[in-house]
Amino acid sequence: MASHLLDEVEKVCTHAAILKTGQLITTGPVEAILKDNDTVELAAVNMEKLTALFTAQGKTILPGEIPGSIQVSFDSGTARLDDINKFCFDNGVILSLLVLRKKRLEARFFELTNN
């Protein structure tokens, strides 16, 4: 199946290939293509302190899907929610949101093709 509707590809296919201008960028099981890092969405009353806490750890921080939240990237398989919650609490930040987000195939496509 060839499609630009990556949401549908993700739902229907077990394997995928990503091309850029006719060149194969990656291929394999959809789960393997998506599994480059763990993304955790976080929110707290003091968002400045929360952001500074993870910035000091050298983490990549992006705006979250939920307004007023942030997304923090961790190396694949290292985002342990209980440890993240304890780390925040021990540093004076009480979380109001803590969710492990699954990356979408469309987002991964744009990362791989630099678009």
PDB file of N, CA and C in Angstrom:
ATOM      1  N   MET A   1       0.853  -1.172   0.000  1.00  0.00           N
ATOM      2  CA  MET A   1       0.000   0.000   0.000  1.00  0.00           C
ATOM      3  C   MET A   1       0.900   1.237   0.000  1.00  0.00           C
ATOM      4  N   ALA A   2       0.705   2.114  -0.912  1.00  0.00           N
ATOM      5  CA  ALA A   2       1.438   3.382  -0.959  1.00  0.00           C
ATOM      6  C   ALA A   2       0.461   4.487  -0.579  1.00  0.00           C
ATOM      7  N   SER A   3       0.847   5.311   0.387  1.00  0.00           N
ATOM      8  CA  SER A   3      -0.074   6.336   0.847  1.00  0.00           C
ATOM      9  C   SER A   3       0.670   7.482   1.519  1.00  0.00           C
ATOM     10  N   HIS A   4       0.077   8.663   1.422  1.00  0.00           N
ATOM     11  CA  HIS A   4       0.549   9.812   2.174  1.00  0.00           C
ATOM     12  C   HIS A   4      -0.286   9.983   3.443  1.00  0.00           C
ATOM     13  N   LEU A   5      -1.298   9.145   3.623  1.00  0.00           N
ATOM     14  CA  LEU A   5      -2.140   9.190   4.813  1.00  0.00           C
ATOM     15  C   LEU A   5      -1.491   8.307   5.885  1.00  0.00           C
ATOM     16  N   LEU A   6      -0.499   8.859   6.555  1.00  0.00           N
ATOM     17  CA  LEU A   6       0.324   8.062   7.460  1.00  0.00           C
ATOM     18  C   LEU A   6      -0.435   7.562   8.679  1.00  0.00           C
ATOM     19  N   ASP A   7      -1.469   8.256   9.087  1.00  0.00           N
ATOM     20  CA  ASP A   7      -2.298   7.780  10.184  1.00  0.00           C
ATOM     21  C   ASP A   7      -2.954   6.456   9.805  1.00  0.00           C
ATOM     22  N   GLU A   8      -3.418   6.361   8.564  1.00  0.00           N
ATOM     23  CA  GLU A   8      -4.026   5.119   8.076  1.00  0.00           C
ATOM     24  C   GLU A   8      -2.989   4.011   7.934  1.00  0.00           C
ATOM     25  N   VAL A   9      -1.816   4.339   7.432  1.00  0.00           N
ATOM     26  CA  VAL A   9      -0.739   3.355   7.302  1.00  0.00           C
ATOM     27  C   VAL A   9      -0.417   2.781   8.684  1.00  0.00           C
ATOM     28  N   GLU A  10      -0.313   3.647   9.671  1.00  0.00           N
ATOM     29  CA  GLU A  10       0.003   3.226  11.035  1.00  0.00           C
ATOM     30  C   GLU A  10      -1.050   2.264  11.588  1.00  0.00           C
ATOM     31  N   LYS A  11      -2.314   2.493  11.244  1.00  0.00           N
ATOM     32  CA  LYS A  11      -3.409   1.654  11.748  1.00  0.00           C
ATOM     33  C   LYS A  11      -3.515   0.318  11.016  1.00  0.00           C
ATOM     34  N   VAL A  12      -3.157   0.288   9.736  1.00  0.00           N
ATOM     35  CA  VAL A  12      -3.404  -0.884   8.893  1.00  0.00           C
ATOM     36  C   VAL A  12      -2.167  -1.768   8.717  1.00  0.00           C
ATOM     37  N   CYS A  13      -1.008  -1.170   8.617  1.00  0.00           N
ATOM     38  CA  CYS A  13       0.197  -1.917   8.234  1.00  0.00           C
ATOM     39  C   CYS A  13       1.022  -2.350   9.440  1.00  0.00           C
ATOM     40  N   THR A  14       1.680  -3.488   9.296  1.00  0.00           N
ATOM     41  CA  THR A  14       2.620  -3.939  10.324  1.00  0.00           C
ATOM     42  C   THR A  14       4.030  -3.477  10.000  1.00  0.00           C
ATOM     43  N   HIS A  15       4.335  -3.268   8.716  1.00  0.00           N
ATOM     44  CA  HIS A  15       5.643  -2.828   8.261  1.00  0.00           C
ATOM     45  C   HIS A  15       5.471  -1.609   7.344  1.00  0.00           C
ATOM     46  N   ALA A  16       6.512  -0.786   7.287  1.00  0.00           N
ATOM     47  CA  ALA A  16       6.447   0.407   6.438  1.00  0.00           C
ATOM     48  C   ALA A  16       7.841   0.729   5.912  1.00  0.00           C
ATOM     49  N   ALA A  17       7.866   1.507   4.871  1.00  0.00           N
ATOM     50  CA  ALA A  17       9.105   2.050   4.318  1.00  0.00           C
ATOM     51  C   ALA A  17       8.885   3.542   4.115  1.00  0.00           C
ATOM     52  N   ILE A  18       9.883   4.325   4.425  1.00  0.00           N
ATOM     53  CA  ILE A  18       9.796   5.775   4.236  1.00  0.00           C
ATOM     54  C   ILE A  18      10.800   6.162   3.168  1.00  0.00           C
ATOM     55  N   LEU A  19      10.275   6.856   2.152  1.00  0.00           N
ATOM     56  CA  LEU A  19      11.085   7.311   1.023  1.00  0.00           C
ATOM     57  C   LEU A  19      11.168   8.829   1.023  1.00  0.00           C
ATOM     58  N   LYS A  20      12.286   9.345   0.524  1.00  0.00           N
ATOM     59  CA  LYS A  20      12.433  10.788   0.314  1.00  0.00           C
ATOM     60  C   LYS A  20      13.050  10.967  -1.056  1.00  0.00           C
ATOM     61  N   THR A  21      12.330  11.613  -1.921  1.00  0.00           N
ATOM     62  CA  THR A  21      12.732  11.818  -3.319  1.00  0.00           C
ATOM     63  C   THR A  21      13.260  10.527  -3.945  1.00  0.00           C
ATOM     64  N   GLY A  22      12.532   9.449  -3.737  1.00  0.00           N
ATOM     65  CA  GLY A  22      12.860   8.171  -4.345  1.00  0.00           C
ATOM     66  C   GLY A  22      13.931   7.366  -3.634  1.00  0.00           C
ATOM     67  N   GLN A  23      14.515   7.896  -2.583  1.00  0.00           N
ATOM     68  CA  GLN A  23      15.554   7.202  -1.829  1.00  0.00           C
ATOM     69  C   GLN A  23      14.962   6.610  -0.553  1.00  0.00           C
ATOM     70  N   LEU A  24      15.295   5.353  -0.262  1.00  0.00           N
ATOM     71  CA  LEU A  24      14.809   4.687   0.942  1.00  0.00           C
ATOM     72  C   LEU A  24      15.516   5.256   2.166  1.00  0.00           C
ATOM     73  N   ILE A  25      14.724   5.798   3.087  1.00  0.00           N
ATOM     74  CA  ILE A  25      15.261   6.373   4.324  1.00  0.00           C
ATOM     75  C   ILE A  25      15.293   5.318   5.427  1.00  0.00           C
ATOM     76  N   THR A  26      14.188   4.591   5.598  1.00  0.00           N
ATOM     77  CA  THR A  26      14.107   3.534   6.600  1.00  0.00           C
ATOM     78  C   THR A  26      13.004   2.557   6.218  1.00  0.00           C
ATOM     79  N   THR A  27      13.117   1.353   6.737  1.00  0.00           N
ATOM     80  CA  THR A  27      12.102   0.335   6.507  1.00  0.00           C
ATOM     81  C   THR A  27      12.099  -0.618   7.694  1.00  0.00           C
ATOM     82  N   GLY A  28      10.957  -1.248   7.919  1.00  0.00           N
ATOM     83  CA  GLY A  28      10.861  -2.226   9.001  1.00  0.00           C
ATOM     84  C   GLY A  28       9.500  -2.205   9.649  1.00  0.00           C
ATOM     85  N   PRO A  29       9.353  -2.916  10.779  1.00  0.00           N
ATOM     86  CA  PRO A  29       8.084  -2.894  11.506  1.00  0.00           C
ATOM     87  C   PRO A  29       7.751  -1.461  11.944  1.00  0.00           C
ATOM     88  N   VAL A  30       6.490  -1.094  11.868  1.00  0.00           N
ATOM     89  CA  VAL A  30       6.066   0.260  12.234  1.00  0.00           C
ATOM     90  C   VAL A  30       6.525   0.598  13.644  1.00  0.00           C
ATOM     91  N   GLU A  31       6.372  -0.341  14.582  1.00  0.00           N
ATOM     92  CA  GLU A  31       6.785  -0.084  15.973  1.00  0.00           C
ATOM     93  C   GLU A  31       8.274   0.238  16.063  1.00  0.00           C
ATOM     94  N   ALA A  32       9.103  -0.436  15.268  1.00  0.00           N
ATOM     95  CA  ALA A  32      10.546  -0.177  15.291  1.00  0.00           C
ATOM     96  C   ALA A  32      10.863   1.204  14.719  1.00  0.00           C
ATOM     97  N   ILE A  33      10.149   1.604  13.689  1.00  0.00           N
ATOM     98  CA  ILE A  33      10.358   2.928  13.089  1.00  0.00           C
ATOM     99  C   ILE A  33       9.989   4.025  14.090  1.00  0.00           C
ATOM    100  N   LEU A  34       8.962   3.776  14.892  1.00  0.00           N
ATOM    101  CA  LEU A  34       8.488   4.780  15.851  1.00  0.00           C
ATOM    102  C   LEU A  34       9.336   4.839  17.117  1.00  0.00           C
ATOM    103  N   LYS A  35      10.080   3.798  17.426  1.00  0.00           N
ATOM    104  CA  LYS A  35      10.728   3.670  18.723  1.00  0.00           C
ATOM    105  C   LYS A  35      12.130   4.251  18.732  1.00  0.00           C
ATOM    106  N   ASP A  36      12.286   5.549  18.553  1.00  0.00           N
ATOM    107  CA  ASP A  36      13.602   6.165  18.638  1.00  0.00           C
ATOM    108  C   ASP A  36      13.814   6.854  19.974  1.00  0.00           C
ATOM    109  N   ASN A  37      12.751   7.245  20.635  1.00  0.00           N
ATOM    110  CA  ASN A  37      12.853   7.849  21.961  1.00  0.00           C
ATOM    111  C   ASN A  37      11.511   7.760  22.670  1.00  0.00           C
ATOM    112  N   ASP A  38      11.529   8.072  23.948  1.00  0.00           N
ATOM    113  CA  ASP A  38      10.300   8.119  24.741  1.00  0.00           C
ATOM    114  C   ASP A  38       9.933   9.585  24.937  1.00  0.00           C
ATOM    115  N   THR A  39       8.669   9.914  24.771  1.00  0.00           N
ATOM    116  CA  THR A  39       8.192  11.274  24.975  1.00  0.00           C
ATOM    117  C   THR A  39       7.212  11.278  26.132  1.00  0.00           C
ATOM    118  N   VAL A  40       7.475  12.131  27.115  1.00  0.00           N
ATOM    119  CA  VAL A  40       6.623  12.242  28.291  1.00  0.00           C
ATOM    120  C   VAL A  40       6.030  13.638  28.319  1.00  0.00           C
ATOM    121  N   GLU A  41       4.718  13.712  28.476  1.00  0.00           N
ATOM    122  CA  GLU A  41       4.039  15.008  28.588  1.00  0.00           C
ATOM    123  C   GLU A  41       3.825  15.316  30.063  1.00  0.00           C
ATOM    124  N   LEU A  42       4.197  16.534  30.443  1.00  0.00           N
ATOM    125  CA  LEU A  42       4.182  16.946  31.845  1.00  0.00           C
ATOM    126  C   LEU A  42       3.547  18.315  32.009  1.00  0.00           C
ATOM    127  N   ALA A  43       2.936  18.514  33.159  1.00  0.00           N
ATOM    128  CA  ALA A  43       2.440  19.835  33.535  1.00  0.00           C
ATOM    129  C   ALA A  43       2.505  19.953  35.055  1.00  0.00           C
ATOM    130  N   ALA A  44       2.614  21.196  35.508  1.00  0.00           N
ATOM    131  CA  ALA A  44       2.647  21.508  36.936  1.00  0.00           C
ATOM    132  C   ALA A  44       2.162  22.935  37.102  1.00  0.00           C
ATOM    133  N   VAL A  45       1.846  23.310  38.328  1.00  0.00           N
ATOM    134  CA  VAL A  45       1.424  24.679  38.591  1.00  0.00           C
ATOM    135  C   VAL A  45       2.563  25.633  38.222  1.00  0.00           C
ATOM    136  N   ASN A  46       3.787  25.272  38.605  1.00  0.00           N
ATOM    137  CA  ASN A  46       4.946  26.109  38.305  1.00  0.00           C
ATOM    138  C   ASN A  46       5.664  25.551  37.077  1.00  0.00           C
ATOM    139  N   MET A  47       5.181  25.945  35.899  1.00  0.00           N
ATOM    140  CA  MET A  47       5.740  25.434  34.648  1.00  0.00           C
ATOM    141  C   MET A  47       7.169  25.924  34.410  1.00  0.00           C
ATOM    142  N   GLU A  48       7.493  27.125  34.884  1.00  0.00           N
ATOM    143  CA  GLU A  48       8.852  27.634  34.714  1.00  0.00           C
ATOM    144  C   GLU A  48       9.849  26.751  35.454  1.00  0.00           C
ATOM    145  N   LYS A  49       9.522  26.388  36.671  1.00  0.00           N
ATOM    146  CA  LYS A  49      10.407  25.531  37.462  1.00  0.00           C
ATOM    147  C   LYS A  49      10.497  24.136  36.850  1.00  0.00           C
ATOM    148  N   LEU A  50       9.373  23.611  36.365  1.00  0.00           N
ATOM    149  CA  LEU A  50       9.360  22.299  35.720  1.00  0.00           C
ATOM    150  C   LEU A  50      10.248  22.304  34.474  1.00  0.00           C
ATOM    151  N   THR A  51      10.100  23.313  33.642  1.00  0.00           N
ATOM    152  CA  THR A  51      10.903  23.421  32.425  1.00  0.00           C
ATOM    153  C   THR A  51      12.384  23.560  32.759  1.00  0.00           C
ATOM    154  N   ALA A  52      12.699  24.395  33.735  1.00  0.00           N
ATOM    155  CA  ALA A  52      14.097  24.591  34.137  1.00  0.00           C
ATOM    156  C   ALA A  52      14.711  23.304  34.672  1.00  0.00           C
ATOM    157  N   LEU A  53      13.927  22.517  35.367  1.00  0.00           N
ATOM    158  CA  LEU A  53      14.396  21.256  35.939  1.00  0.00           C
ATOM    159  C   LEU A  53      14.895  20.305  34.851  1.00  0.00           C
ATOM    160  N   PHE A  54      14.122  20.176  33.762  1.00  0.00           N
ATOM    161  CA  PHE A  54      14.516  19.265  32.689  1.00  0.00           C
ATOM    162  C   PHE A  54      15.521  19.895  31.730  1.00  0.00           C
ATOM    163  N   THR A  55      15.496  21.210  31.589  1.00  0.00           N
ATOM    164  CA  THR A  55      16.506  21.896  30.787  1.00  0.00           C
ATOM    165  C   THR A  55      17.882  21.692  31.414  1.00  0.00           C
ATOM    166  N   ALA A  56      17.954  21.774  32.739  1.00  0.00           N
ATOM    167  CA  ALA A  56      19.215  21.561  33.459  1.00  0.00           C
ATOM    168  C   ALA A  56      19.736  20.135  33.276  1.00  0.00           C
ATOM    169  N   GLN A  57      18.827  19.199  32.969  1.00  0.00           N
ATOM    170  CA  GLN A  57      19.216  17.812  32.723  1.00  0.00           C
ATOM    171  C   GLN A  57      19.612  17.578  31.270  1.00  0.00           C
ATOM    172  N   GLY A  58      19.541  18.628  30.449  1.00  0.00           N
ATOM    173  CA  GLY A  58      19.915  18.515  29.041  1.00  0.00           C
ATOM    174  C   GLY A  58      18.863  17.840  28.180  1.00  0.00           C
ATOM    175  N   LYS A  59      17.617  17.827  28.634  1.00  0.00           N
ATOM    176  CA  LYS A  59      16.537  17.171  27.899  1.00  0.00           C
ATOM    177  C   LYS A  59      15.967  18.099  26.835  1.00  0.00           C
ATOM    178  N   THR A  60      15.481  17.497  25.746  1.00  0.00           N
ATOM    179  CA  THR A  60      14.783  18.243  24.707  1.00  0.00           C
ATOM    180  C   THR A  60      13.360  18.501  25.189  1.00  0.00           C
ATOM    181  N   ILE A  61      12.938  19.762  25.130  1.00  0.00           N
ATOM    182  CA  ILE A  61      11.611  20.153  25.608  1.00  0.00           C
ATOM    183  C   ILE A  61      10.853  20.821  24.476  1.00  0.00           C
ATOM    184  N   LEU A  62       9.629  20.335  24.249  1.00  0.00           N
ATOM    185  CA  LEU A  62       8.745  20.881  23.226  1.00  0.00           C
ATOM    186  C   LEU A  62       7.395  21.195  23.843  1.00  0.00           C
ATOM    187  N   PRO A  63       6.593  22.038  23.187  1.00  0.00           N
ATOM    188  CA  PRO A  63       5.225  22.269  23.681  1.00  0.00           C
ATOM    189  C   PRO A  63       4.450  20.952  23.668  1.00  0.00           C
ATOM    190  N   GLY A  64       3.592  20.768  24.672  1.00  0.00           N
ATOM    191  CA  GLY A  64       2.792  19.549  24.764  1.00  0.00           C
ATOM    192  C   GLY A  64       1.549  19.595  23.904  1.00  0.00           C
ATOM    193  N   GLU A  65       0.893  18.436  23.785  1.00  0.00           N
ATOM    194  CA  GLU A  65      -0.376  18.345  23.059  1.00  0.00           C
ATOM    195  C   GLU A  65      -1.483  19.058  23.817  1.00  0.00           C
ATOM    196  N   ILE A  66      -1.406  19.007  25.139  1.00  0.00           N
ATOM    197  CA  ILE A  66      -2.396  19.659  25.999  1.00  0.00           C
ATOM    198  C   ILE A  66      -1.899  21.073  26.287  1.00  0.00           C
ATOM    199  N   PRO A  67      -2.740  22.090  26.087  1.00  0.00           N
ATOM    200  CA  PRO A  67      -2.308  23.468  26.341  1.00  0.00           C
ATOM    201  C   PRO A  67      -1.740  23.622  27.755  1.00  0.00           C
ATOM    202  N   GLY A  68      -0.605  24.309  27.837  1.00  0.00           N
ATOM    203  CA  GLY A  68       0.021  24.548  29.133  1.00  0.00           C
ATOM    204  C   GLY A  68       0.922  23.419  29.603  1.00  0.00           C
ATOM    205  N   SER A  69       1.180  22.443  28.744  1.00  0.00           N
ATOM    206  CA  SER A  69       2.055  21.335  29.118  1.00  0.00           C
ATOM    207  C   SER A  69       3.304  21.352  28.246  1.00  0.00           C
ATOM    208  N   ILE A  70       4.282  20.538  28.641  1.00  0.00           N
ATOM    209  CA  ILE A  70       5.492  20.377  27.842  1.00  0.00           C
ATOM    210  C   ILE A  70       5.703  18.893  27.552  1.00  0.00           C
ATOM    211  N   GLN A  71       6.463  18.610  26.518  1.00  0.00           N
ATOM    212  CA  GLN A  71       6.873  17.247  26.219  1.00  0.00           C
ATOM    213  C   GLN A  71       8.385  17.174  26.371  1.00  0.00           C
ATOM    214  N   VAL A  72       8.840  16.147  27.079  1.00  0.00           N
ATOM    215  CA  VAL A  72      10.258  15.952  27.333  1.00  0.00           C
ATOM    216  C   VAL A  72      10.673  14.636  26.690  1.00  0.00           C
ATOM    217  N   SER A  73      11.780  14.650  25.950  1.00  0.00           N
ATOM    218  CA  SER A  73      12.279  13.454  25.277  1.00  0.00           C
ATOM    219  C   SER A  73      13.319  12.751  26.143  1.00  0.00           C
ATOM    220  N   PHE A  74      13.199  11.426  26.209  1.00  0.00           N
ATOM    221  CA  PHE A  74      14.143  10.573  26.921  1.00  0.00           C
ATOM    222  C   PHE A  74      14.654   9.532  25.928  1.00  0.00           C
ATOM    223  N   ASP A  75      15.832   8.986  26.185  1.00  0.00           N
ATOM    224  CA  ASP A  75      16.322   7.893  25.358  1.00  0.00           C
ATOM    225  C   ASP A  75      15.319   6.752  25.398  1.00  0.00           C
ATOM    226  N   SER A  76      15.213   6.038  24.303  1.00  0.00           N
ATOM    227  CA  SER A  76      14.247   4.949  24.180  1.00  0.00           C
ATOM    228  C   SER A  76      14.366   3.960  25.336  1.00  0.00           C
ATOM    229  N   GLY A  77      13.225   3.698  25.984  1.00  0.00           N
ATOM    230  CA  GLY A  77      13.162   2.728  27.069  1.00  0.00           C
ATOM    231  C   GLY A  77      13.589   3.238  28.422  1.00  0.00           C
ATOM    232  N   THR A  78      13.892   4.541  28.535  1.00  0.00           N
ATOM    233  CA  THR A  78      14.375   5.066  29.815  1.00  0.00           C
ATOM    234  C   THR A  78      13.364   5.923  30.563  1.00  0.00           C
ATOM    235  N   ALA A  79      12.218   6.220  29.962  1.00  0.00           N
ATOM    236  CA  ALA A  79      11.222   7.081  30.606  1.00  0.00           C
ATOM    237  C   ALA A  79      10.390   6.252  31.583  1.00  0.00           C
ATOM    238  N   ARG A  80      10.819   6.235  32.824  1.00  0.00           N
ATOM    239  CA  ARG A  80      10.084   5.522  33.880  1.00  0.00           C
ATOM    240  C   ARG A  80       9.269   6.553  34.646  1.00  0.00           C
ATOM    241  N   LEU A  81       7.947   6.484  34.492  1.00  0.00           N
ATOM    242  CA  LEU A  81       7.074   7.520  35.041  1.00  0.00           C
ATOM    243  C   LEU A  81       7.204   7.664  36.546  1.00  0.00           C
ATOM    244  N   ASP A  82       7.365   6.557  37.276  1.00  0.00           N
ATOM    245  CA  ASP A  82       7.502   6.656  38.730  1.00  0.00           C
ATOM    246  C   ASP A  82       8.782   7.399  39.113  1.00  0.00           C
ATOM    247  N   ASP A  83       9.870   7.159  38.380  1.00  0.00           N
ATOM    248  CA  ASP A  83      11.123   7.861  38.650  1.00  0.00           C
ATOM    249  C   ASP A  83      11.014   9.344  38.297  1.00  0.00           C
ATOM    250  N   ILE A  84      10.327   9.650  37.202  1.00  0.00           N
ATOM    251  CA  ILE A  84      10.144  11.051  36.804  1.00  0.00           C
ATOM    252  C   ILE A  84       9.317  11.793  37.845  1.00  0.00           C
ATOM    253  N   ASN A  85       8.248  11.164  38.314  1.00  0.00           N
ATOM    254  CA  ASN A  85       7.399  11.774  39.340  1.00  0.00           C
ATOM    255  C   ASN A  85       8.199  12.041  40.615  1.00  0.00           C
ATOM    256  N   LYS A  86       8.988  11.073  41.049  1.00  0.00           N
ATOM    257  CA  LYS A  86       9.800  11.229  42.264  1.00  0.00           C
ATOM    258  C   LYS A  86      10.850  12.319  42.064  1.00  0.00           C
ATOM    259  N   PHE A  87      11.506  12.332  40.909  1.00  0.00           N
ATOM    260  CA  PHE A  87      12.512  13.349  40.610  1.00  0.00           C
ATOM    261  C   PHE A  87      11.907  14.751  40.712  1.00  0.00           C
ATOM    262  N   CYS A  88      10.746  14.936  40.116  1.00  0.00           N
ATOM    263  CA  CYS A  88      10.084  16.241  40.168  1.00  0.00           C
ATOM    264  C   CYS A  88       9.713  16.603  41.600  1.00  0.00           C
ATOM    265  N   PHE A  89       9.109  15.669  42.320  1.00  0.00           N
ATOM    266  CA  PHE A  89       8.683  15.918  43.696  1.00  0.00           C
ATOM    267  C   PHE A  89       9.886  16.253  44.575  1.00  0.00           C
ATOM    268  N   ASP A  90      10.965  15.494  44.433  1.00  0.00           N
ATOM    269  CA  ASP A  90      12.173  15.730  45.236  1.00  0.00           C
ATOM    270  C   ASP A  90      12.799  17.089  44.941  1.00  0.00           C
ATOM    271  N   ASN A  91      12.479  17.657  43.774  1.00  0.00           N
ATOM    272  CA  ASN A  91      12.994  18.971  43.403  1.00  0.00           C
ATOM    273  C   ASN A  91      11.949  20.074  43.537  1.00  0.00           C
ATOM    274  N   GLY A  92      10.885  19.802  44.301  1.00  0.00           N
ATOM    275  CA  GLY A  92       9.899  20.821  44.624  1.00  0.00           C
ATOM    276  C   GLY A  92       8.846  21.092  43.571  1.00  0.00           C
ATOM    277  N   VAL A  93       8.671  20.165  42.636  1.00  0.00           N
ATOM    278  CA  VAL A  93       7.657  20.345  41.591  1.00  0.00           C
ATOM    279  C   VAL A  93       6.600  19.254  41.738  1.00  0.00           C
ATOM    280  N   ILE A  94       5.361  19.665  41.944  1.00  0.00           N
ATOM    281  CA  ILE A  94       4.232  18.735  42.038  1.00  0.00           C
ATOM    282  C   ILE A  94       3.574  18.672  40.662  1.00  0.00           C
ATOM    283  N   LEU A  95       3.565  17.485  40.078  1.00  0.00           N
ATOM    284  CA  LEU A  95       3.013  17.318  38.738  1.00  0.00           C
ATOM    285  C   LEU A  95       1.496  17.230  38.757  1.00  0.00           C
ATOM    286  N   SER A  96       0.870  17.860  37.779  1.00  0.00           N
ATOM    287  CA  SER A  96      -0.575  17.729  37.585  1.00  0.00           C
ATOM    288  C   SER A  96      -0.872  16.887  36.348  1.00  0.00           C
ATOM    289  N   LEU A  97       0.169  16.581  35.569  1.00  0.00           N
ATOM    290  CA  LEU A  97       0.041  15.749  34.373  1.00  0.00           C
ATOM    291  C   LEU A  97       1.342  14.992  34.176  1.00  0.00           C
ATOM    292  N   LEU A  98       1.228  13.690  33.918  1.00  0.00           N
ATOM    293  CA  LEU A  98       2.381  12.834  33.658  1.00  0.00           C
ATOM    294  C   LEU A  98       1.913  11.699  32.770  1.00  0.00           C
ATOM    295  N   VAL A  99       2.218  11.798  31.460  1.00  0.00           N
ATOM    296  CA  VAL A  99       1.716  10.839  30.481  1.00  0.00           C
ATOM    297  C   VAL A  99       2.834  10.440  29.526  1.00  0.00           C
ATOM    298  N   LEU A 100       2.987   9.147  29.284  1.00  0.00           N
ATOM    299  CA  LEU A 100       3.915   8.665  28.265  1.00  0.00           C
ATOM    300  C   LEU A 100       3.193   8.711  26.929  1.00  0.00           C
ATOM    301  N   ARG A 101       3.734   9.458  25.980  1.00  0.00           N
ATOM    302  CA  ARG A 101       3.109   9.635  24.664  1.00  0.00           C
ATOM    303  C   ARG A 101       3.768   8.730  23.639  1.00  0.00           C
ATOM    304  N   LYS A 102       2.965   8.146  22.800  1.00  0.00           N
ATOM    305  CA  LYS A 102       3.476   7.352  21.691  1.00  0.00           C
ATOM    306  C   LYS A 102       3.644   8.275  20.493  1.00  0.00           C
ATOM    307  N   LYS A 103       4.787   8.182  19.866  1.00  0.00           N
ATOM    308  CA  LYS A 103       5.043   9.000  18.687  1.00  0.00           C
ATOM    309  C   LYS A 103       4.184   8.493  17.531  1.00  0.00           C
ATOM    310  N   ARG A 104       3.697   9.390  16.732  1.00  0.00           N
ATOM    311  CA  ARG A 104       2.889   9.062  15.562  1.00  0.00           C
ATOM    312  C   ARG A 104       3.803   8.897  14.355  1.00  0.00           C
ATOM    313  N   LEU A 105       3.390   8.056  13.413  1.00  0.00           N
ATOM    314  CA  LEU A 105       4.173   7.800  12.219  1.00  0.00           C
ATOM    315  C   LEU A 105       4.394   9.083  11.420  1.00  0.00           C
ATOM    316  N   GLU A 106       3.412   9.944  11.375  1.00  0.00           N
ATOM    317  CA  GLU A 106       3.555  11.197  10.640  1.00  0.00           C
ATOM    318  C   GLU A 106       4.666  12.062  11.237  1.00  0.00           C
ATOM    319  N   ALA A 107       4.722  12.154  12.565  1.00  0.00           N
ATOM    320  CA  ALA A 107       5.777  12.938  13.219  1.00  0.00           C
ATOM    321  C   ALA A 107       7.150  12.334  12.935  1.00  0.00           C
ATOM    322  N   ARG A 108       7.233  11.014  12.973  1.00  0.00           N
ATOM    323  CA  ARG A 108       8.509  10.332  12.704  1.00  0.00           C
ATOM    324  C   ARG A 108       8.932  10.550  11.247  1.00  0.00           C
ATOM    325  N   PHE A 109       7.966  10.527  10.336  1.00  0.00           N
ATOM    326  CA  PHE A 109       8.250  10.779   8.923  1.00  0.00           C
ATOM    327  C   PHE A 109       8.909  12.146   8.755  1.00  0.00           C
ATOM    328  N   PHE A 110       8.338  13.173   9.385  1.00  0.00           N
ATOM    329  CA  PHE A 110       8.891  14.519   9.256  1.00  0.00           C
ATOM    330  C   PHE A 110      10.279  14.618   9.883  1.00  0.00           C
ATOM    331  N   GLU A 111      10.514  13.905  10.985  1.00  0.00           N
ATOM    332  CA  GLU A 111      11.844  13.891  11.581  1.00  0.00           C
ATOM    333  C   GLU A 111      12.869  13.278  10.625  1.00  0.00           C
ATOM    334  N   LEU A 112      12.500  12.157  10.038  1.00  0.00           N
ATOM    335  CA  LEU A 112      13.428  11.422   9.164  1.00  0.00           C
ATOM    336  C   LEU A 112      13.689  12.132   7.843  1.00  0.00           C
ATOM    337  N   THR A 113      12.702  12.842   7.350  1.00  0.00           N
ATOM    338  CA  THR A 113      12.870  13.521   6.061  1.00  0.00           C
ATOM    339  C   THR A 113      13.236  14.986   6.218  1.00  0.00           C
ATOM    340  N   ASN A 114      13.376  15.433   7.454  1.00  0.00           N
ATOM    341  CA  ASN A 114      13.744  16.827   7.764  1.00  0.00           C
ATOM    342  C   ASN A 114      12.795  17.836   7.151  1.00  0.00           C
ATOM    343  N   ASN A 115      11.494  17.515   7.166  1.00  0.00           N
ATOM    344  CA  ASN A 115      10.481  18.445   6.625  1.00  0.00           C
ATOM    345  C   ASN A 115       9.685  18.996   7.764  1.00  0.00           C
TER     346      ASN A 115
END
